[in-house]
Amino acid sequence: MKKLLLTVTGTVTVLILIVSLFSLNQTNRGLESKLSKTEKELKTMEQLINQEDKFTDTVANKKKLTVIEEGLRTYLDYDNATYLTRFDHLQNKATDETIQRLKELSSTDPPLLDVKNQLKELTIYLHPTEELIFLVQLTTEYSLDHEVVSRLPQLYQVTLIETNGEYHISQLTNLGLTATN
């Protein structure tokens, strides 16, 4: 009888262990499924965040590049009629200090001869570590009395400042003429 009781008890214990192991295995599979689903959702969220960051960076860079290009075109594209007024048009593109420095570099009187300066080529290079500093390679064409007298390839360093989400040129440094082929 003791043997039978021990055998029945042992069998019941083994059955309980088997049922418990089966139940734990099912619970484990359910948790693994939930974990896998959560990991997929996390990856999707990370991808969306990365895309949003890239979009935000692209929008910010587009704003910066637009300010630089429009600012340089406003400053460098001029003729007799716009020689002095170009500085007024720089108001939304450059800081007051920068505009004042550019005015100081120019004559306070319009030219006596018929002049025209045109920005012909412009390439903007991003700085590898500074997000508000750019190198700009450009070519201007200068005409006197409707005759082109020079084509000047130049290199500028442009520094921007951000105020309330808007960018302005805070420093414009002419690094000199560049070599051409």
C-alpha atoms as a PDB file:
ATOM      1  CA  MET A   1       0.000   0.000   0.000  1.00  0.00           C
ATOM      2  CA  LYS A   2       2.863   2.317   0.798  1.00  0.00           C
ATOM      3  CA  LYS A   3       4.316   1.585  -2.583  1.00  0.00           C
ATOM      4  CA  LEU A   4       1.033   2.363  -4.259  1.00  0.00           C
ATOM      5  CA  LEU A   5       0.662   5.557  -2.290  1.00  0.00           C
ATOM      6  CA  LEU A   6       4.234   6.584  -3.134  1.00  0.00           C
ATOM      7  CA  THR A   7       3.694   5.708  -6.783  1.00  0.00           C
ATOM      8  CA  VAL A   8       0.440   7.677  -6.955  1.00  0.00           C
ATOM      9  CA  THR A   9       2.016  10.617  -5.110  1.00  0.00           C
ATOM     10  CA  GLY A  10       5.062  10.493  -7.361  1.00  0.00           C
ATOM     11  CA  THR A  11       2.892  10.280 -10.485  1.00  0.00           C
ATOM     12  CA  VAL A  12       0.709  13.177  -9.355  1.00  0.00           C
ATOM     13  CA  THR A  13       3.821  15.208  -8.522  1.00  0.00           C
ATOM     14  CA  VAL A  14       5.316  14.446 -11.934  1.00  0.00           C
ATOM     15  CA  LEU A  15       2.001  15.367 -13.609  1.00  0.00           C
ATOM     16  CA  ILE A  16       1.861  18.612 -11.646  1.00  0.00           C
ATOM     17  CA  LEU A  17       5.463  19.362 -12.664  1.00  0.00           C
ATOM     18  CA  ILE A  18       4.683  18.584 -16.323  1.00  0.00           C
ATOM     19  CA  VAL A  19       1.558  20.797 -16.259  1.00  0.00           C
ATOM     20  CA  SER A  20       3.547  23.547 -14.495  1.00  0.00           C
ATOM     21  CA  LEU A  21       6.352  23.308 -17.055  1.00  0.00           C
ATOM     22  CA  PHE A  22       3.821  23.390 -19.895  1.00  0.00           C
ATOM     23  CA  SER A  23       2.101  26.397 -18.332  1.00  0.00           C
ATOM     24  CA  LEU A  24       5.445  28.186 -17.792  1.00  0.00           C
ATOM     25  CA  ASN A  25       6.441  27.399 -21.379  1.00  0.00           C
ATOM     26  CA  GLN A  26       3.160  28.898 -22.681  1.00  0.00           C
ATOM     27  CA  THR A  27       3.616  31.978 -20.484  1.00  0.00           C
ATOM     28  CA  ASN A  28       7.219  32.310 -21.693  1.00  0.00           C
ATOM     29  CA  ARG A  29       6.117  32.117 -25.341  1.00  0.00           C
ATOM     30  CA  GLY A  30       3.472  34.773 -24.723  1.00  0.00           C
ATOM     31  CA  LEU A  31       6.029  37.054 -23.066  1.00  0.00           C
ATOM     32  CA  GLU A  32       8.514  36.480 -25.903  1.00  0.00           C
ATOM     33  CA  SER A  33       5.815  37.394 -28.419  1.00  0.00           C
ATOM     34  CA  LYS A  34       4.971  40.580 -26.502  1.00  0.00           C
ATOM     35  CA  LEU A  35       8.687  41.427 -26.230  1.00  0.00           C
ATOM     36  CA  SER A  36       9.206  40.882 -29.962  1.00  0.00           C
ATOM     37  CA  LYS A  37       6.195  43.072 -30.778  1.00  0.00           C
ATOM     38  CA  THR A  38       7.440  45.799 -28.404  1.00  0.00           C
ATOM     39  CA  GLU A  39      10.935  45.662 -29.939  1.00  0.00           C
ATOM     40  CA  LYS A  40       9.430  46.083 -33.428  1.00  0.00           C
ATOM     41  CA  GLU A  41       7.381  49.061 -32.221  1.00  0.00           C
ATOM     42  CA  LEU A  42      10.512  50.561 -30.630  1.00  0.00           C
ATOM     43  CA  LYS A  43      12.444  50.172 -33.891  1.00  0.00           C
ATOM     44  CA  THR A  44       9.590  51.820 -35.798  1.00  0.00           C
ATOM     45  CA  MET A  45       9.556  54.711 -33.309  1.00  0.00           C
ATOM     46  CA  GLU A  46      13.348  55.111 -33.587  1.00  0.00           C
ATOM     47  CA  GLN A  47      13.079  55.206 -37.389  1.00  0.00           C
ATOM     48  CA  LEU A  48      10.355  57.851 -37.196  1.00  0.00           C
ATOM     49  CA  ILE A  49      12.444  59.927 -34.791  1.00  0.00           C
ATOM     50  CA  ASN A  50      15.486  59.644 -37.082  1.00  0.00           C
ATOM     51  CA  GLN A  51      13.396  60.663 -40.091  1.00  0.00           C
ATOM     52  CA  GLU A  52      11.997  63.624 -38.164  1.00  0.00           C
ATOM     53  CA  ASP A  53      15.527  64.665 -37.108  1.00  0.00           C
ATOM     54  CA  LYS A  54      16.730  64.419 -40.717  1.00  0.00           C
ATOM     55  CA  PHE A  55      13.736  66.428 -41.900  1.00  0.00           C
ATOM     56  CA  THR A  56      14.315  69.067 -39.212  1.00  0.00           C
ATOM     57  CA  ASP A  57      18.029  69.245 -40.134  1.00  0.00           C
ATOM     58  CA  THR A  58      17.132  69.517 -43.824  1.00  0.00           C
ATOM     59  CA  VAL A  59      14.630  72.312 -43.187  1.00  0.00           C
ATOM     60  CA  ALA A  60      17.131  74.166 -40.968  1.00  0.00           C
ATOM     61  CA  ASN A  61      19.921  73.759 -43.536  1.00  0.00           C
ATOM     62  CA  LYS A  62      17.601  74.935 -46.311  1.00  0.00           C
ATOM     63  CA  LYS A  63      16.806  78.066 -44.283  1.00  0.00           C
ATOM     64  CA  LYS A  64      20.497  78.683 -43.637  1.00  0.00           C
ATOM     65  CA  LEU A  65      21.497  78.190 -47.264  1.00  0.00           C
ATOM     66  CA  THR A  66      18.674  80.440 -48.451  1.00  0.00           C
ATOM     67  CA  VAL A  67      19.761  83.248 -46.106  1.00  0.00           C
ATOM     68  CA  ILE A  68      23.365  82.929 -47.314  1.00  0.00           C
ATOM     69  CA  GLU A  69      22.494  82.852 -51.014  1.00  0.00           C
ATOM     70  CA  GLU A  70      19.937  85.669 -50.827  1.00  0.00           C
ATOM     71  CA  GLY A  71      22.246  87.753 -48.628  1.00  0.00           C
ATOM     72  CA  LEU A  72      25.211  87.416 -50.971  1.00  0.00           C
ATOM     73  CA  ARG A  73      23.070  88.066 -54.044  1.00  0.00           C
ATOM     74  CA  THR A  74      21.642  91.188 -52.403  1.00  0.00           C
ATOM     75  CA  TYR A  75      25.105  92.417 -51.455  1.00  0.00           C
ATOM     76  CA  LEU A  76      26.984  91.497 -54.649  1.00  0.00           C
ATOM     77  CA  ASP A  77      24.349  92.095 -57.361  1.00  0.00           C
ATOM     78  CA  TYR A  78      24.231  95.850 -57.881  1.00  0.00           C
ATOM     79  CA  ASP A  79      24.314  98.627 -60.442  1.00  0.00           C
ATOM     80  CA  ASN A  80      24.255 102.417 -60.155  1.00  0.00           C
ATOM     81  CA  ALA A  81      20.618 102.472 -59.044  1.00  0.00           C
ATOM     82  CA  THR A  82      21.014  99.787 -56.357  1.00  0.00           C
ATOM     83  CA  TYR A  83      24.571 100.543 -55.229  1.00  0.00           C
ATOM     84  CA  LEU A  84      23.440 102.178 -51.966  1.00  0.00           C
ATOM     85  CA  THR A  85      19.956 100.676 -51.524  1.00  0.00           C
ATOM     86  CA  ARG A  86      21.258  97.093 -51.502  1.00  0.00           C
ATOM     87  CA  PHE A  87      22.220  97.588 -47.861  1.00  0.00           C
ATOM     88  CA  ASP A  88      18.592  98.388 -46.999  1.00  0.00           C
ATOM     89  CA  HIS A  89      17.554  95.107 -48.621  1.00  0.00           C
ATOM     90  CA  LEU A  90      20.001  93.215 -46.411  1.00  0.00           C
ATOM     91  CA  GLN A  91      17.983  94.049 -43.269  1.00  0.00           C
ATOM     92  CA  ASN A  92      16.269  90.627 -43.062  1.00  0.00           C
ATOM     93  CA  LYS A  93      19.380  88.702 -44.083  1.00  0.00           C
ATOM     94  CA  ALA A  94      22.219  90.113 -41.974  1.00  0.00           C
ATOM     95  CA  THR A  95      22.728  91.652 -38.563  1.00  0.00           C
ATOM     96  CA  ASP A  96      22.872  95.445 -38.253  1.00  0.00           C
ATOM     97  CA  GLU A  97      26.569  95.246 -37.289  1.00  0.00           C
ATOM     98  CA  THR A  98      27.406  93.231 -40.408  1.00  0.00           C
ATOM     99  CA  ILE A  99      25.491  95.637 -42.648  1.00  0.00           C
ATOM    100  CA  GLN A 100      27.305  98.572 -41.051  1.00  0.00           C
ATOM    101  CA  ARG A 101      30.715  96.940 -41.678  1.00  0.00           C
ATOM    102  CA  LEU A 102      29.799  96.270 -45.317  1.00  0.00           C
ATOM    103  CA  LYS A 103      28.694  99.887 -45.739  1.00  0.00           C
ATOM    104  CA  GLU A 104      32.032 101.055 -44.330  1.00  0.00           C
ATOM    105  CA  LEU A 105      33.831  99.010 -46.988  1.00  0.00           C
ATOM    106  CA  SER A 106      31.861 100.734 -49.752  1.00  0.00           C
ATOM    107  CA  SER A 107      31.798 104.259 -51.057  1.00  0.00           C
ATOM    108  CA  THR A 108      29.064 106.471 -49.639  1.00  0.00           C
ATOM    109  CA  ASP A 109      28.370 107.892 -53.113  1.00  0.00           C
ATOM    110  CA  PRO A 110      27.070 105.964 -56.105  1.00  0.00           C
ATOM    111  CA  PRO A 111      29.630 105.405 -58.871  1.00  0.00           C
ATOM    112  CA  LEU A 112      30.009 108.083 -61.556  1.00  0.00           C
ATOM    113  CA  LEU A 113      30.461 105.593 -64.398  1.00  0.00           C
ATOM    114  CA  ASP A 114      27.852 103.043 -65.378  1.00  0.00           C
ATOM    115  CA  VAL A 115      28.714  99.957 -63.261  1.00  0.00           C
ATOM    116  CA  LYS A 116      27.196  96.547 -62.785  1.00  0.00           C
ATOM    117  CA  ASN A 117      28.322  93.717 -60.542  1.00  0.00           C
ATOM    118  CA  GLN A 118      26.643  90.333 -60.909  1.00  0.00           C
ATOM    119  CA  LEU A 119      26.981  87.140 -58.952  1.00  0.00           C
ATOM    120  CA  LYS A 120      27.418  84.462 -61.615  1.00  0.00           C
ATOM    121  CA  GLU A 121      28.324  81.279 -59.729  1.00  0.00           C
ATOM    122  CA  LEU A 122      27.790  80.313 -56.109  1.00  0.00           C
ATOM    123  CA  THR A 123      28.637  77.117 -54.239  1.00  0.00           C
ATOM    124  CA  ILE A 124      28.055  76.782 -50.500  1.00  0.00           C
ATOM    125  CA  TYR A 125      30.040  74.264 -48.446  1.00  0.00           C
ATOM    126  CA  LEU A 126      28.904  73.088 -45.022  1.00  0.00           C
ATOM    127  CA  HIS A 127      31.456  73.176 -42.215  1.00  0.00           C
ATOM    128  CA  PRO A 128      32.153  69.636 -40.946  1.00  0.00           C
ATOM    129  CA  THR A 129      31.757  70.504 -37.249  1.00  0.00           C
ATOM    130  CA  GLU A 130      30.262  73.993 -36.964  1.00  0.00           C
ATOM    131  CA  GLU A 131      26.640  74.148 -38.094  1.00  0.00           C
ATOM    132  CA  LEU A 132      26.582  77.957 -38.395  1.00  0.00           C
ATOM    133  CA  ILE A 133      29.816  78.446 -40.382  1.00  0.00           C
ATOM    134  CA  PHE A 134      29.963  78.003 -44.166  1.00  0.00           C
ATOM    135  CA  LEU A 135      32.480  78.450 -46.951  1.00  0.00           C
ATOM    136  CA  VAL A 136      31.137  80.028 -50.106  1.00  0.00           C
ATOM    137  CA  GLN A 137      32.937  79.884 -53.426  1.00  0.00           C
ATOM    138  CA  LEU A 138      31.542  82.362 -55.902  1.00  0.00           C
ATOM    139  CA  THR A 139      32.308  84.246 -59.081  1.00  0.00           C
ATOM    140  CA  THR A 140      31.274  87.830 -59.758  1.00  0.00           C
ATOM    141  CA  GLU A 141      31.315  89.623 -63.075  1.00  0.00           C
ATOM    142  CA  TYR A 142      32.053  93.358 -63.002  1.00  0.00           C
ATOM    143  CA  SER A 143      31.079  95.628 -65.904  1.00  0.00           C
ATOM    144  CA  LEU A 144      32.007  99.255 -66.579  1.00  0.00           C
ATOM    145  CA  ASP A 145      30.018 101.140 -69.187  1.00  0.00           C
ATOM    146  CA  HIS A 146      28.378  97.845 -70.297  1.00  0.00           C
ATOM    147  CA  GLU A 147      31.782  96.137 -70.865  1.00  0.00           C
ATOM    148  CA  VAL A 148      32.778  93.188 -68.706  1.00  0.00           C
ATOM    149  CA  VAL A 149      36.132  94.151 -67.223  1.00  0.00           C
ATOM    150  CA  SER A 150      36.640  91.322 -64.734  1.00  0.00           C
ATOM    151  CA  ARG A 151      35.417  87.950 -63.619  1.00  0.00           C
ATOM    152  CA  LEU A 152      36.505  87.399 -60.023  1.00  0.00           C
ATOM    153  CA  PRO A 153      36.393  83.980 -58.356  1.00  0.00           C
ATOM    154  CA  GLN A 154      36.272  84.581 -54.597  1.00  0.00           C
ATOM    155  CA  LEU A 155      36.031  82.634 -51.362  1.00  0.00           C
ATOM    156  CA  TYR A 156      33.976  83.836 -48.394  1.00  0.00           C
ATOM    157  CA  GLN A 157      33.479  82.512 -44.910  1.00  0.00           C
ATOM    158  CA  VAL A 158      29.940  83.156 -43.727  1.00  0.00           C
ATOM    159  CA  THR A 159      28.913  82.852 -40.096  1.00  0.00           C
ATOM    160  CA  LEU A 160      25.245  82.820 -39.187  1.00  0.00           C
ATOM    161  CA  ILE A 161      23.452  83.605 -35.963  1.00  0.00           C
ATOM    162  CA  GLU A 162      20.076  82.155 -35.000  1.00  0.00           C
ATOM    163  CA  THR A 163      17.504  84.299 -33.261  1.00  0.00           C
ATOM    164  CA  ASN A 164      14.003  82.966 -32.628  1.00  0.00           C
ATOM    165  CA  GLY A 165      14.358  80.325 -35.354  1.00  0.00           C
ATOM    166  CA  GLU A 166      15.501  82.876 -37.948  1.00  0.00           C
ATOM    167  CA  TYR A 167      19.016  82.969 -39.373  1.00  0.00           C
ATOM    168  CA  HIS A 168      21.027  86.098 -40.183  1.00  0.00           C
ATOM    169  CA  ILE A 169      24.546  86.637 -41.464  1.00  0.00           C
ATOM    170  CA  SER A 170      26.597  87.762 -38.473  1.00  0.00           C
ATOM    171  CA  GLN A 171      29.990  87.702 -40.137  1.00  0.00           C
ATOM    172  CA  LEU A 172      31.044  87.850 -43.778  1.00  0.00           C
ATOM    173  CA  THR A 173      34.753  87.427 -44.380  1.00  0.00           C
ATOM    174  CA  ASN A 174      36.262  87.645 -47.856  1.00  0.00           C
ATOM    175  CA  LEU A 175      39.079  85.101 -47.815  1.00  0.00           C
ATOM    176  CA  GLY A 176      40.356  86.329 -51.144  1.00  0.00           C
ATOM    177  CA  LEU A 177      40.458  85.337 -54.770  1.00  0.00           C
ATOM    178  CA  THR A 178      40.482  81.664 -55.679  1.00  0.00           C
ATOM    179  CA  ALA A 179      42.481  79.976 -58.406  1.00  0.00           C
ATOM    180  CA  THR A 180      40.633  78.905 -61.533  1.00  0.00           C
ATOM    181  CA  ASN A 181      41.536  76.667 -64.453  1.00  0.00           C
END
